[in-house]
Amino acid sequence: HLAKARPGIGSRKKVRIGLRRNTRFSLRKSARRITKGVIHVQASFNNTIITVTDPQGRVVFWSSAGTCGFKSSRKASPYAGQKTAVDAIRTVGLQRAEVMVKGAGSGRDAALRAIAKSGV
């Protein structure tokens, strides 16, 4: 016998992804605000990830070039690193921070420049 076709699978999937995406961004804006912390910059050749932790090492907020909307090779660009750093610092509201750098990607220097420029 013939298998019954399931209508609307593609559309149902898109709706579910859209809902999850909206929920995630609303959650990300309410990061715990801290005054002192550690900024970890992980710059690979494919992406730049910035993690903000409190002095005990607990993650408060993280951001990557991918979550900032950059795709494929643009994720590794210096501009993406800069935007990622600005996004992470603005959300947490740090005043004093220690910076830990890991990796040799092109977004590393731009992220450090953005951190220094923000006054942290």
C-alpha atoms as a PDB file:
ATOM      1  CA  HIS A   1       0.000   0.000   0.000  1.00  0.00           C
ATOM      2  CA  LEU A   2       1.052   3.620  -0.453  1.00  0.00           C
ATOM      3  CA  ALA A   3       2.396   5.652   2.429  1.00  0.00           C
ATOM      4  CA  LYS A   4       0.176   8.577   3.344  1.00  0.00           C
ATOM      5  CA  ALA A   5       1.839  11.940   2.657  1.00  0.00           C
ATOM      6  CA  ARG A   6       2.138  14.233   5.663  1.00  0.00           C
ATOM      7  CA  PRO A   7       1.098  17.724   4.577  1.00  0.00           C
ATOM      8  CA  GLY A   8       2.781  20.875   5.802  1.00  0.00           C
ATOM      9  CA  ILE A   9       5.894  19.360   7.387  1.00  0.00           C
ATOM     10  CA  GLY A  10       8.119  22.129   6.021  1.00  0.00           C
ATOM     11  CA  SER A  11       5.852  24.941   7.158  1.00  0.00           C
ATOM     12  CA  ARG A  12       5.396  23.414  10.611  1.00  0.00           C
ATOM     13  CA  LYS A  13       9.169  23.193  11.026  1.00  0.00           C
ATOM     14  CA  LYS A  14       9.669  26.849  10.082  1.00  0.00           C
ATOM     15  CA  VAL A  15       7.090  27.984  12.612  1.00  0.00           C
ATOM     16  CA  ARG A  16       8.739  25.966  15.378  1.00  0.00           C
ATOM     17  CA  ILE A  17      12.204  27.384  14.562  1.00  0.00           C
ATOM     18  CA  GLY A  18      10.794  30.913  14.436  1.00  0.00           C
ATOM     19  CA  LEU A  19       9.195  30.512  17.845  1.00  0.00           C
ATOM     20  CA  ARG A  20      12.370  29.159  19.386  1.00  0.00           C
ATOM     21  CA  ARG A  21      14.417  31.977  17.862  1.00  0.00           C
ATOM     22  CA  ASN A  22      12.131  34.661  19.298  1.00  0.00           C
ATOM     23  CA  THR A  23      12.115  33.043  22.724  1.00  0.00           C
ATOM     24  CA  ARG A  24      15.887  32.779  22.771  1.00  0.00           C
ATOM     25  CA  PHE A  25      16.506  36.437  22.010  1.00  0.00           C
ATOM     26  CA  SER A  26      14.062  37.589  24.659  1.00  0.00           C
ATOM     27  CA  LEU A  27      15.926  35.395  27.173  1.00  0.00           C
ATOM     28  CA  ARG A  28      19.337  36.704  26.171  1.00  0.00           C
ATOM     29  CA  LYS A  29      18.574  40.344  26.941  1.00  0.00           C
ATOM     30  CA  SER A  30      18.022  39.678  30.656  1.00  0.00           C
ATOM     31  CA  ALA A  31      21.605  38.746  31.567  1.00  0.00           C
ATOM     32  CA  ARG A  32      22.668  39.195  35.180  1.00  0.00           C
ATOM     33  CA  ARG A  33      24.402  42.554  35.572  1.00  0.00           C
ATOM     34  CA  ILE A  34      27.796  42.452  37.284  1.00  0.00           C
ATOM     35  CA  THR A  35      30.454  45.122  37.887  1.00  0.00           C
ATOM     36  CA  LYS A  36      33.596  42.956  37.979  1.00  0.00           C
ATOM     37  CA  GLY A  37      34.244  39.964  35.752  1.00  0.00           C
ATOM     38  CA  VAL A  38      36.422  38.116  33.291  1.00  0.00           C
ATOM     39  CA  ILE A  39      36.023  38.410  29.515  1.00  0.00           C
ATOM     40  CA  HIS A  40      37.174  35.330  27.597  1.00  0.00           C
ATOM     41  CA  VAL A  41      37.867  35.941  23.899  1.00  0.00           C
ATOM     42  CA  GLN A  42      38.136  32.749  21.850  1.00  0.00           C
ATOM     43  CA  ALA A  43      39.101  33.608  18.277  1.00  0.00           C
ATOM     44  CA  SER A  44      39.322  30.726  15.840  1.00  0.00           C
ATOM     45  CA  PHE A  45      39.675  30.914  12.066  1.00  0.00           C
ATOM     46  CA  ASN A  46      35.934  30.196  11.709  1.00  0.00           C
ATOM     47  CA  ASN A  47      34.276  32.137  14.526  1.00  0.00           C
ATOM     48  CA  THR A  48      34.824  34.515  17.442  1.00  0.00           C
ATOM     49  CA  ILE A  49      33.230  33.613  20.785  1.00  0.00           C
ATOM     50  CA  ILE A  50      33.175  35.993  23.741  1.00  0.00           C
ATOM     51  CA  THR A  51      32.186  34.717  27.174  1.00  0.00           C
ATOM     52  CA  VAL A  52      31.695  36.964  30.200  1.00  0.00           C
ATOM     53  CA  THR A  53      32.085  35.289  33.589  1.00  0.00           C
ATOM     54  CA  ASP A  54      31.968  36.557  37.156  1.00  0.00           C
ATOM     55  CA  PRO A  55      35.189  36.408  39.243  1.00  0.00           C
ATOM     56  CA  GLN A  56      34.281  32.865  40.421  1.00  0.00           C
ATOM     57  CA  GLY A  57      34.184  31.641  36.811  1.00  0.00           C
ATOM     58  CA  ARG A  58      30.405  31.229  36.398  1.00  0.00           C
ATOM     59  CA  VAL A  59      29.209  32.217  32.933  1.00  0.00           C
ATOM     60  CA  VAL A  60      27.019  35.318  32.976  1.00  0.00           C
ATOM     61  CA  PHE A  61      26.678  35.910  29.239  1.00  0.00           C
ATOM     62  CA  TRP A  62      28.186  34.685  26.011  1.00  0.00           C
ATOM     63  CA  SER A  63      28.043  35.896  22.461  1.00  0.00           C
ATOM     64  CA  SER A  64      29.479  34.688  19.186  1.00  0.00           C
ATOM     65  CA  ALA A  65      29.709  36.056  15.687  1.00  0.00           C
ATOM     66  CA  GLY A  66      27.135  33.442  14.681  1.00  0.00           C
ATOM     67  CA  THR A  67      24.547  34.619  17.224  1.00  0.00           C
ATOM     68  CA  CYS A  68      25.162  38.221  16.128  1.00  0.00           C
ATOM     69  CA  GLY A  69      23.880  37.291  12.668  1.00  0.00           C
ATOM     70  CA  PHE A  70      27.089  36.685  10.725  1.00  0.00           C
ATOM     71  CA  LYS A  71      27.267  33.625   8.487  1.00  0.00           C
ATOM     72  CA  SER A  72      30.019  31.503   6.901  1.00  0.00           C
ATOM     73  CA  SER A  73      33.355  33.233   6.331  1.00  0.00           C
ATOM     74  CA  ARG A  74      32.101  36.603   7.649  1.00  0.00           C
ATOM     75  CA  LYS A  75      32.011  35.100  11.163  1.00  0.00           C
ATOM     76  CA  ALA A  76      35.810  35.120  11.230  1.00  0.00           C
ATOM     77  CA  SER A  77      36.144  38.747  10.106  1.00  0.00           C
ATOM     78  CA  PRO A  78      37.491  41.484  12.380  1.00  0.00           C
ATOM     79  CA  TYR A  79      34.194  43.381  12.085  1.00  0.00           C
ATOM     80  CA  ALA A  80      32.286  40.355  13.411  1.00  0.00           C
ATOM     81  CA  GLY A  81      34.708  40.132  16.357  1.00  0.00           C
ATOM     82  CA  GLN A  82      34.154  43.806  17.137  1.00  0.00           C
ATOM     83  CA  LYS A  83      30.361  43.537  17.006  1.00  0.00           C
ATOM     84  CA  THR A  84      30.402  40.412  19.175  1.00  0.00           C
ATOM     85  CA  ALA A  85      32.492  42.139  21.868  1.00  0.00           C
ATOM     86  CA  VAL A  86      30.263  45.219  21.899  1.00  0.00           C
ATOM     87  CA  ASP A  87      27.153  43.017  22.172  1.00  0.00           C
ATOM     88  CA  ALA A  88      28.551  41.042  25.127  1.00  0.00           C
ATOM     89  CA  ILE A  89      29.779  44.060  27.105  1.00  0.00           C
ATOM     90  CA  ARG A  90      26.678  46.179  26.552  1.00  0.00           C
ATOM     91  CA  THR A  91      24.367  43.402  27.757  1.00  0.00           C
ATOM     92  CA  VAL A  92      26.292  42.682  30.964  1.00  0.00           C
ATOM     93  CA  GLY A  93      27.282  46.245  31.867  1.00  0.00           C
ATOM     94  CA  LEU A  94      30.808  45.571  33.173  1.00  0.00           C
ATOM     95  CA  GLN A  95      32.956  48.289  34.722  1.00  0.00           C
ATOM     96  CA  ARG A  96      36.150  46.349  35.499  1.00  0.00           C
ATOM     97  CA  ALA A  97      37.278  43.215  33.742  1.00  0.00           C
ATOM     98  CA  GLU A  98      40.195  40.907  33.202  1.00  0.00           C
ATOM     99  CA  VAL A  99      40.601  39.728  29.608  1.00  0.00           C
ATOM    100  CA  MET A 100      41.700  36.218  28.676  1.00  0.00           C
ATOM    101  CA  VAL A 101      42.566  35.610  25.017  1.00  0.00           C
ATOM    102  CA  LYS A 102      42.667  32.244  23.276  1.00  0.00           C
ATOM    103  CA  GLY A 103      43.272  31.466  19.609  1.00  0.00           C
ATOM    104  CA  ALA A 104      44.780  33.197  16.617  1.00  0.00           C
ATOM    105  CA  GLY A 105      41.756  34.264  14.563  1.00  0.00           C
ATOM    106  CA  SER A 106      41.434  37.583  12.758  1.00  0.00           C
ATOM    107  CA  GLY A 107      38.590  38.708  15.056  1.00  0.00           C
ATOM    108  CA  ARG A 108      40.860  38.647  18.098  1.00  0.00           C
ATOM    109  CA  ASP A 109      42.502  42.064  17.755  1.00  0.00           C
ATOM    110  CA  ALA A 110      39.266  43.774  16.751  1.00  0.00           C
ATOM    111  CA  ALA A 111      37.482  42.290  19.782  1.00  0.00           C
ATOM    112  CA  LEU A 112      40.275  43.515  22.096  1.00  0.00           C
ATOM    113  CA  ARG A 113      40.099  46.982  20.528  1.00  0.00           C
ATOM    114  CA  ALA A 114      36.322  47.078  21.060  1.00  0.00           C
ATOM    115  CA  ILE A 115      36.726  46.023  24.703  1.00  0.00           C
ATOM    116  CA  ALA A 116      39.347  48.732  25.305  1.00  0.00           C
ATOM    117  CA  LYS A 117      37.240  51.378  23.557  1.00  0.00           C
ATOM    118  CA  SER A 118      34.174  50.554  25.658  1.00  0.00           C
ATOM    119  CA  GLY A 119      35.992  51.788  28.762  1.00  0.00           C
ATOM    120  CA  VAL A 120      36.123  48.445  30.606  1.00  0.00           C
END
